[in-house]
Amino acid sequence: MLALRRLCPLVACAGIAVAVGAMVVGQVLAAASHPDPLALTIGEYAAVEGSGATELAMISLAVASLALVAGLRAARAPLGRAVERLLAVWSGALTVMALVPAGAPGSASTLDGWLPGQVHGYASAVAFVALPVAGALMVARLGEDERWKVVARPVEWLALLCGFGLAVVTYVALPGDRVFIGLAERALLAAEIALVAVLAVRLAHLSRVRSTARASQAALG
């Protein structure tokens, strides 16, 4: 259990950092090969970019989220079962998004492109919904715990931002004729990554504080 408490925060923070870096690399590569990458969904963008950077970002974020869930549980963070399950669902949906390609724009017109595109689209919807709901549910519990109270307000604002972003993505995808769909999805994903990062950084800080206190006690003993 002690090793889990030390390792999980590091894996979570490292995974988030790798995901952000891979996303930036993928954005640069796709911008060079497509005239308007912000008009593409994240899945279509991954197909156009073709280097695997976006898929790497999704996988890294999924692994980071699983490590975060394990670390939060080991640290007995005041989240509750529902939040833990939603975070696990978010991680699983990200994994599906990485492994099942959405296909390039226009590929949905063929059977081979339609089915993966549908699976990817459903996974994307699940991921985008699960995390804002988890953020909203955890705010009250975080505010009641002295260890986590400091991040309750940032999590609340980020959860609200994610909810607003989800509404924008829904509008753009349905009656909005996909105008700036890529921009809307990326803005929502950025807010969701920020929410996960706040929890991961706080978990790492608490882990370091515990380790320091334990080392001090051992030295005095």
C-alpha atoms as a PDB file:
ATOM      1  CA  MET A   1       0.000   0.000   0.000  1.00  0.00           C
ATOM      2  CA  LEU A   2       2.878   2.367   0.788  1.00  0.00           C
ATOM      3  CA  ALA A   3       4.500   1.723  -2.592  1.00  0.00           C
ATOM      4  CA  LEU A   4       1.138   2.311  -4.293  1.00  0.00           C
ATOM      5  CA  ARG A   5       0.736   5.660  -2.558  1.00  0.00           C
ATOM      6  CA  ARG A   6       4.175   6.756  -3.738  1.00  0.00           C
ATOM      7  CA  LEU A   7       4.028   5.409  -7.290  1.00  0.00           C
ATOM      8  CA  CYS A   8       0.499   6.366  -8.357  1.00  0.00           C
ATOM      9  CA  PRO A   9       0.917  10.160  -8.004  1.00  0.00           C
ATOM     10  CA  LEU A  10       4.112  10.013 -10.060  1.00  0.00           C
ATOM     11  CA  VAL A  11       2.488   7.910 -12.794  1.00  0.00           C
ATOM     12  CA  ALA A  12      -0.555  10.201 -12.842  1.00  0.00           C
ATOM     13  CA  CYS A  13       1.474  13.413 -13.137  1.00  0.00           C
ATOM     14  CA  ALA A  14       3.887  11.925 -15.687  1.00  0.00           C
ATOM     15  CA  GLY A  15       1.033  10.540 -17.787  1.00  0.00           C
ATOM     16  CA  ILE A  16      -0.720  13.904 -17.887  1.00  0.00           C
ATOM     17  CA  ALA A  17       2.518  15.650 -18.884  1.00  0.00           C
ATOM     18  CA  VAL A  18       3.136  13.131 -21.690  1.00  0.00           C
ATOM     19  CA  ALA A  19      -0.464  13.525 -22.886  1.00  0.00           C
ATOM     20  CA  VAL A  20      -0.191  17.310 -23.068  1.00  0.00           C
ATOM     21  CA  GLY A  21       3.145  17.106 -24.895  1.00  0.00           C
ATOM     22  CA  ALA A  22       1.831  14.547 -27.387  1.00  0.00           C
ATOM     23  CA  MET A  23      -1.253  16.670 -28.032  1.00  0.00           C
ATOM     24  CA  VAL A  24       0.915  19.686 -28.847  1.00  0.00           C
ATOM     25  CA  VAL A  25       3.106  17.619 -31.192  1.00  0.00           C
ATOM     26  CA  GLY A  26       0.048  16.198 -32.918  1.00  0.00           C
ATOM     27  CA  GLN A  27      -1.450  19.656 -33.355  1.00  0.00           C
ATOM     28  CA  VAL A  28       1.696  20.913 -35.051  1.00  0.00           C
ATOM     29  CA  LEU A  29       1.916  17.879 -37.350  1.00  0.00           C
ATOM     30  CA  ALA A  30      -1.756  18.022 -38.362  1.00  0.00           C
ATOM     31  CA  ALA A  31      -1.630  21.754 -38.989  1.00  0.00           C
ATOM     32  CA  ALA A  32       1.073  21.071 -41.571  1.00  0.00           C
ATOM     33  CA  SER A  33      -1.022  18.462 -43.402  1.00  0.00           C
ATOM     34  CA  HIS A  34      -4.530  19.919 -43.171  1.00  0.00           C
ATOM     35  CA  PRO A  35      -5.567  23.494 -43.913  1.00  0.00           C
ATOM     36  CA  ASP A  36      -8.090  23.718 -41.078  1.00  0.00           C
ATOM     37  CA  PRO A  37      -7.449  21.162 -38.302  1.00  0.00           C
ATOM     38  CA  LEU A  38      -9.848  22.936 -35.938  1.00  0.00           C
ATOM     39  CA  ALA A  39     -12.719  21.869 -38.206  1.00  0.00           C
ATOM     40  CA  LEU A  40     -11.938  18.206 -37.420  1.00  0.00           C
ATOM     41  CA  THR A  41     -12.973  16.200 -34.393  1.00  0.00           C
ATOM     42  CA  ILE A  42     -10.169  14.812 -32.256  1.00  0.00           C
ATOM     43  CA  GLY A  43     -10.644  11.365 -33.857  1.00  0.00           C
ATOM     44  CA  GLU A  44     -10.629  12.707 -37.429  1.00  0.00           C
ATOM     45  CA  TYR A  45      -7.649  14.816 -36.509  1.00  0.00           C
ATOM     46  CA  ALA A  46      -5.737  11.728 -35.347  1.00  0.00           C
ATOM     47  CA  ALA A  47      -6.387  10.056 -38.711  1.00  0.00           C
ATOM     48  CA  VAL A  48      -5.186  13.085 -40.672  1.00  0.00           C
ATOM     49  CA  GLU A  49      -2.157  13.668 -38.471  1.00  0.00           C
ATOM     50  CA  GLY A  50      -1.116  10.025 -38.820  1.00  0.00           C
ATOM     51  CA  SER A  51       1.905  10.011 -36.513  1.00  0.00           C
ATOM     52  CA  GLY A  52       0.176   8.383 -33.555  1.00  0.00           C
ATOM     53  CA  ALA A  53       0.784  11.399 -31.311  1.00  0.00           C
ATOM     54  CA  THR A  54      -2.907  11.897 -30.577  1.00  0.00           C
ATOM     55  CA  GLU A  55      -3.408   8.201 -29.805  1.00  0.00           C
ATOM     56  CA  LEU A  56      -0.377   8.338 -27.493  1.00  0.00           C
ATOM     57  CA  ALA A  57      -1.923  11.326 -25.736  1.00  0.00           C
ATOM     58  CA  MET A  58      -5.188   9.438 -25.176  1.00  0.00           C
ATOM     59  CA  ILE A  59      -3.447   6.316 -23.880  1.00  0.00           C
ATOM     60  CA  SER A  60      -1.184   8.351 -21.583  1.00  0.00           C
ATOM     61  CA  LEU A  61      -4.167  10.222 -20.205  1.00  0.00           C
ATOM     62  CA  ALA A  62      -6.047   6.959 -19.665  1.00  0.00           C
ATOM     63  CA  VAL A  63      -3.121   5.406 -17.765  1.00  0.00           C
ATOM     64  CA  ALA A  64      -2.695   8.586 -15.742  1.00  0.00           C
ATOM     65  CA  SER A  65      -6.379   8.544 -14.828  1.00  0.00           C
ATOM     66  CA  LEU A  66      -6.257   4.902 -13.713  1.00  0.00           C
ATOM     67  CA  ALA A  67      -3.184   5.650 -11.591  1.00  0.00           C
ATOM     68  CA  LEU A  68      -4.997   8.661 -10.161  1.00  0.00           C
ATOM     69  CA  VAL A  69      -8.008   6.553  -9.183  1.00  0.00           C
ATOM     70  CA  ALA A  70      -5.750   3.977  -7.507  1.00  0.00           C
ATOM     71  CA  GLY A  71      -3.758   6.697  -5.746  1.00  0.00           C
ATOM     72  CA  LEU A  72      -6.857   8.508  -4.523  1.00  0.00           C
ATOM     73  CA  ARG A  73      -8.287   5.281  -3.179  1.00  0.00           C
ATOM     74  CA  ALA A  74      -5.008   4.376  -1.453  1.00  0.00           C
ATOM     75  CA  ALA A  75      -4.870   7.857   0.096  1.00  0.00           C
ATOM     76  CA  ARG A  76      -8.503   7.536   1.164  1.00  0.00           C
ATOM     77  CA  ALA A  77      -9.499  10.689  -0.660  1.00  0.00           C
ATOM     78  CA  PRO A  78     -13.120  11.715   0.025  1.00  0.00           C
ATOM     79  CA  LEU A  79     -14.541  10.904  -3.389  1.00  0.00           C
ATOM     80  CA  GLY A  80     -17.043   8.080  -3.012  1.00  0.00           C
ATOM     81  CA  ARG A  81     -17.686   5.022  -5.185  1.00  0.00           C
ATOM     82  CA  ALA A  82     -19.680   6.887  -7.818  1.00  0.00           C
ATOM     83  CA  VAL A  83     -16.822   9.307  -8.523  1.00  0.00           C
ATOM     84  CA  GLU A  84     -14.249   6.513  -8.635  1.00  0.00           C
ATOM     85  CA  ARG A  85     -16.379   4.593 -11.133  1.00  0.00           C
ATOM     86  CA  LEU A  86     -16.900   7.668 -13.296  1.00  0.00           C
ATOM     87  CA  LEU A  87     -13.153   8.283 -13.359  1.00  0.00           C
ATOM     88  CA  ALA A  88     -12.631   4.644 -14.349  1.00  0.00           C
ATOM     89  CA  VAL A  89     -15.251   5.044 -17.102  1.00  0.00           C
ATOM     90  CA  TRP A  90     -13.460   8.193 -18.324  1.00  0.00           C
ATOM     91  CA  SER A  91     -10.200   6.255 -18.487  1.00  0.00           C
ATOM     92  CA  GLY A  92     -11.783   3.330 -20.313  1.00  0.00           C
ATOM     93  CA  ALA A  93     -13.457   5.613 -22.847  1.00  0.00           C
ATOM     94  CA  LEU A  94     -10.130   7.328 -23.545  1.00  0.00           C
ATOM     95  CA  THR A  95      -8.562   3.928 -24.186  1.00  0.00           C
ATOM     96  CA  VAL A  96     -11.283   3.058 -26.690  1.00  0.00           C
ATOM     97  CA  MET A  97     -10.798   6.427 -28.400  1.00  0.00           C
ATOM     98  CA  ALA A  98      -7.099   5.649 -28.786  1.00  0.00           C
ATOM     99  CA  LEU A  99      -7.504   2.064 -30.002  1.00  0.00           C
ATOM    100  CA  VAL A 100     -10.550   2.441 -32.264  1.00  0.00           C
ATOM    101  CA  PRO A 101      -9.908   4.954 -35.061  1.00  0.00           C
ATOM    102  CA  ALA A 102     -12.596   7.442 -36.021  1.00  0.00           C
ATOM    103  CA  GLY A 103     -11.296   7.541 -39.573  1.00  0.00           C
ATOM    104  CA  ALA A 104     -10.515  10.449 -41.824  1.00  0.00           C
ATOM    105  CA  PRO A 105     -13.254  12.873 -42.882  1.00  0.00           C
ATOM    106  CA  GLY A 106     -15.579  11.150 -45.352  1.00  0.00           C
ATOM    107  CA  SER A 107     -14.680   7.587 -44.297  1.00  0.00           C
ATOM    108  CA  ALA A 108     -18.053   7.195 -42.568  1.00  0.00           C
ATOM    109  CA  SER A 109     -19.605   6.777 -46.019  1.00  0.00           C
ATOM    110  CA  THR A 110     -18.151   3.246 -46.198  1.00  0.00           C
ATOM    111  CA  LEU A 111     -19.075   0.291 -43.973  1.00  0.00           C
ATOM    112  CA  ASP A 112     -15.468  -0.230 -42.871  1.00  0.00           C
ATOM    113  CA  GLY A 113     -15.256   3.371 -41.744  1.00  0.00           C
ATOM    114  CA  TRP A 114     -18.782   3.643 -40.335  1.00  0.00           C
ATOM    115  CA  LEU A 115     -18.592   1.049 -37.537  1.00  0.00           C
ATOM    116  CA  PRO A 116     -15.255   2.173 -36.007  1.00  0.00           C
ATOM    117  CA  GLY A 117     -16.398   5.752 -36.356  1.00  0.00           C
ATOM    118  CA  GLN A 118     -19.586   4.977 -34.406  1.00  0.00           C
ATOM    119  CA  VAL A 119     -17.653   3.181 -31.648  1.00  0.00           C
ATOM    120  CA  HIS A 120     -15.163   6.039 -31.429  1.00  0.00           C
ATOM    121  CA  GLY A 121     -17.977   8.583 -31.351  1.00  0.00           C
ATOM    122  CA  TYR A 122     -19.813   6.830 -28.509  1.00  0.00           C
ATOM    123  CA  ALA A 123     -16.576   6.497 -26.514  1.00  0.00           C
ATOM    124  CA  SER A 124     -15.896  10.189 -27.051  1.00  0.00           C
ATOM    125  CA  ALA A 125     -19.368  11.098 -25.803  1.00  0.00           C
ATOM    126  CA  VAL A 126     -18.948   8.902 -22.705  1.00  0.00           C
ATOM    127  CA  ALA A 127     -15.547  10.430 -21.908  1.00  0.00           C
ATOM    128  CA  PHE A 128     -16.759  13.993 -22.340  1.00  0.00           C
ATOM    129  CA  VAL A 129     -19.771  13.383 -20.066  1.00  0.00           C
ATOM    130  CA  ALA A 130     -18.206  11.210 -17.337  1.00  0.00           C
ATOM    131  CA  LEU A 131     -15.569  13.625 -16.078  1.00  0.00           C
ATOM    132  CA  PRO A 132     -17.753  16.755 -15.651  1.00  0.00           C
ATOM    133  CA  VAL A 133     -20.269  14.651 -13.711  1.00  0.00           C
ATOM    134  CA  ALA A 134     -17.476  13.215 -11.541  1.00  0.00           C
ATOM    135  CA  GLY A 135     -16.142  16.725 -10.900  1.00  0.00           C
ATOM    136  CA  ALA A 136     -19.553  17.998  -9.873  1.00  0.00           C
ATOM    137  CA  LEU A 137     -20.096  15.074  -7.495  1.00  0.00           C
ATOM    138  CA  MET A 138     -16.726  15.364  -5.760  1.00  0.00           C
ATOM    139  CA  VAL A 139     -16.801  19.097  -4.977  1.00  0.00           C
ATOM    140  CA  ALA A 140     -18.830  18.884  -1.756  1.00  0.00           C
ATOM    141  CA  ARG A 141     -16.794  15.965  -0.416  1.00  0.00           C
ATOM    142  CA  LEU A 142     -13.484  17.698  -1.142  1.00  0.00           C
ATOM    143  CA  GLY A 143     -14.645  20.834   0.668  1.00  0.00           C
ATOM    144  CA  GLU A 144     -15.369  18.842   3.823  1.00  0.00           C
ATOM    145  CA  ASP A 145     -11.873  17.325   4.063  1.00  0.00           C
ATOM    146  CA  GLU A 146      -9.015  19.493   5.365  1.00  0.00           C
ATOM    147  CA  ARG A 147      -6.464  17.730   3.171  1.00  0.00           C
ATOM    148  CA  TRP A 148      -8.429  18.380  -0.015  1.00  0.00           C
ATOM    149  CA  LYS A 149     -10.274  21.569   0.841  1.00  0.00           C
ATOM    150  CA  VAL A 150      -7.686  23.687  -0.989  1.00  0.00           C
ATOM    151  CA  VAL A 151      -8.604  22.156  -4.358  1.00  0.00           C
ATOM    152  CA  ALA A 152     -12.375  22.119  -3.854  1.00  0.00           C
ATOM    153  CA  ARG A 153     -12.906  25.542  -5.441  1.00  0.00           C
ATOM    154  CA  PRO A 154     -10.612  24.941  -8.470  1.00  0.00           C
ATOM    155  CA  VAL A 155     -12.338  21.600  -9.071  1.00  0.00           C
ATOM    156  CA  GLU A 156     -15.728  23.310  -8.818  1.00  0.00           C
ATOM    157  CA  TRP A 157     -14.817  25.963 -11.398  1.00  0.00           C
ATOM    158  CA  LEU A 158     -13.261  23.407 -13.724  1.00  0.00           C
ATOM    159  CA  ALA A 159     -16.314  21.142 -13.424  1.00  0.00           C
ATOM    160  CA  LEU A 160     -18.529  24.101 -14.348  1.00  0.00           C
ATOM    161  CA  LEU A 161     -16.231  24.913 -17.257  1.00  0.00           C
ATOM    162  CA  CYS A 162     -16.388  21.299 -18.414  1.00  0.00           C
ATOM    163  CA  GLY A 163     -20.178  21.381 -18.207  1.00  0.00           C
ATOM    164  CA  PHE A 164     -20.299  24.542 -20.281  1.00  0.00           C
ATOM    165  CA  GLY A 165     -17.852  23.044 -22.779  1.00  0.00           C
ATOM    166  CA  LEU A 166     -19.972  19.897 -23.018  1.00  0.00           C
ATOM    167  CA  ALA A 167     -23.030  22.009 -23.829  1.00  0.00           C
ATOM    168  CA  VAL A 168     -21.075  23.849 -26.539  1.00  0.00           C
ATOM    169  CA  VAL A 169     -19.789  20.607 -28.084  1.00  0.00           C
ATOM    170  CA  THR A 170     -23.309  19.159 -28.072  1.00  0.00           C
ATOM    171  CA  TYR A 171     -24.710  22.228 -29.801  1.00  0.00           C
ATOM    172  CA  VAL A 172     -21.918  22.378 -32.367  1.00  0.00           C
ATOM    173  CA  ALA A 173     -22.184  18.645 -33.142  1.00  0.00           C
ATOM    174  CA  LEU A 174     -25.966  18.682 -33.629  1.00  0.00           C
ATOM    175  CA  PRO A 175     -27.698  21.921 -34.732  1.00  0.00           C
ATOM    176  CA  GLY A 176     -24.462  23.843 -35.209  1.00  0.00           C
ATOM    177  CA  ASP A 177     -23.415  21.994 -38.392  1.00  0.00           C
ATOM    178  CA  ARG A 178     -20.001  21.101 -36.858  1.00  0.00           C
ATOM    179  CA  VAL A 179     -18.724  24.665 -37.119  1.00  0.00           C
ATOM    180  CA  PHE A 180     -15.419  24.721 -35.186  1.00  0.00           C
ATOM    181  CA  ILE A 181     -16.149  21.241 -33.806  1.00  0.00           C
ATOM    182  CA  GLY A 182     -12.432  20.639 -33.358  1.00  0.00           C
ATOM    183  CA  LEU A 183     -11.949  23.832 -31.385  1.00  0.00           C
ATOM    184  CA  ALA A 184     -14.912  23.040 -29.135  1.00  0.00           C
ATOM    185  CA  GLU A 185     -13.705  19.487 -28.439  1.00  0.00           C
ATOM    186  CA  ARG A 186     -10.158  20.604 -27.723  1.00  0.00           C
ATOM    187  CA  ALA A 187     -11.324  23.317 -25.339  1.00  0.00           C
ATOM    188  CA  LEU A 188     -13.448  20.787 -23.456  1.00  0.00           C
ATOM    189  CA  LEU A 189     -10.622  18.248 -23.364  1.00  0.00           C
ATOM    190  CA  ALA A 190      -8.219  20.926 -22.068  1.00  0.00           C
ATOM    191  CA  ALA A 191     -10.618  21.736 -19.208  1.00  0.00           C
ATOM    192  CA  GLU A 192     -10.987  18.041 -18.377  1.00  0.00           C
ATOM    193  CA  ILE A 193      -7.219  17.511 -18.401  1.00  0.00           C
ATOM    194  CA  ALA A 194      -6.864  20.517 -16.088  1.00  0.00           C
ATOM    195  CA  LEU A 195      -9.387  18.988 -13.668  1.00  0.00           C
ATOM    196  CA  VAL A 196      -7.518  15.681 -13.578  1.00  0.00           C
ATOM    197  CA  ALA A 197      -4.202  17.525 -13.237  1.00  0.00           C
ATOM    198  CA  VAL A 198      -5.413  19.477 -10.185  1.00  0.00           C
ATOM    199  CA  LEU A 199      -6.264  16.220  -8.423  1.00  0.00           C
ATOM    200  CA  ALA A 200      -2.992  14.566  -9.473  1.00  0.00           C
ATOM    201  CA  VAL A 201      -0.829  17.464  -8.303  1.00  0.00           C
ATOM    202  CA  ARG A 202      -2.627  17.613  -4.955  1.00  0.00           C
ATOM    203  CA  LEU A 203      -2.241  13.861  -4.522  1.00  0.00           C
ATOM    204  CA  ALA A 204       1.481  14.129  -5.294  1.00  0.00           C
ATOM    205  CA  HIS A 205       1.836  16.972  -2.778  1.00  0.00           C
ATOM    206  CA  LEU A 206       0.101  15.024  -0.018  1.00  0.00           C
ATOM    207  CA  SER A 207       2.230  11.971  -0.814  1.00  0.00           C
ATOM    208  CA  ARG A 208       5.392  14.033  -0.539  1.00  0.00           C
ATOM    209  CA  VAL A 209       4.256  15.545   2.761  1.00  0.00           C
ATOM    210  CA  ARG A 210       3.554  12.089   4.179  1.00  0.00           C
ATOM    211  CA  SER A 211       6.930  10.798   3.014  1.00  0.00           C
ATOM    212  CA  THR A 212       8.736  13.773   4.564  1.00  0.00           C
ATOM    213  CA  ALA A 213       6.893  13.360   7.847  1.00  0.00           C
ATOM    214  CA  ARG A 214       7.631   9.642   7.903  1.00  0.00           C
ATOM    215  CA  ALA A 215      11.336  10.259   7.203  1.00  0.00           C
ATOM    216  CA  SER A 216      11.473  12.851  10.017  1.00  0.00           C
ATOM    217  CA  GLN A 217       9.892  10.426  12.460  1.00  0.00           C
ATOM    218  CA  ALA A 218      12.338   7.703  11.457  1.00  0.00           C
ATOM    219  CA  ALA A 219      15.284  10.067  11.961  1.00  0.00           C
ATOM    220  CA  LEU A 220      14.047  11.114  15.379  1.00  0.00           C
ATOM    221  CA  GLY A 221      13.345   7.515  16.349  1.00  0.00           C
END
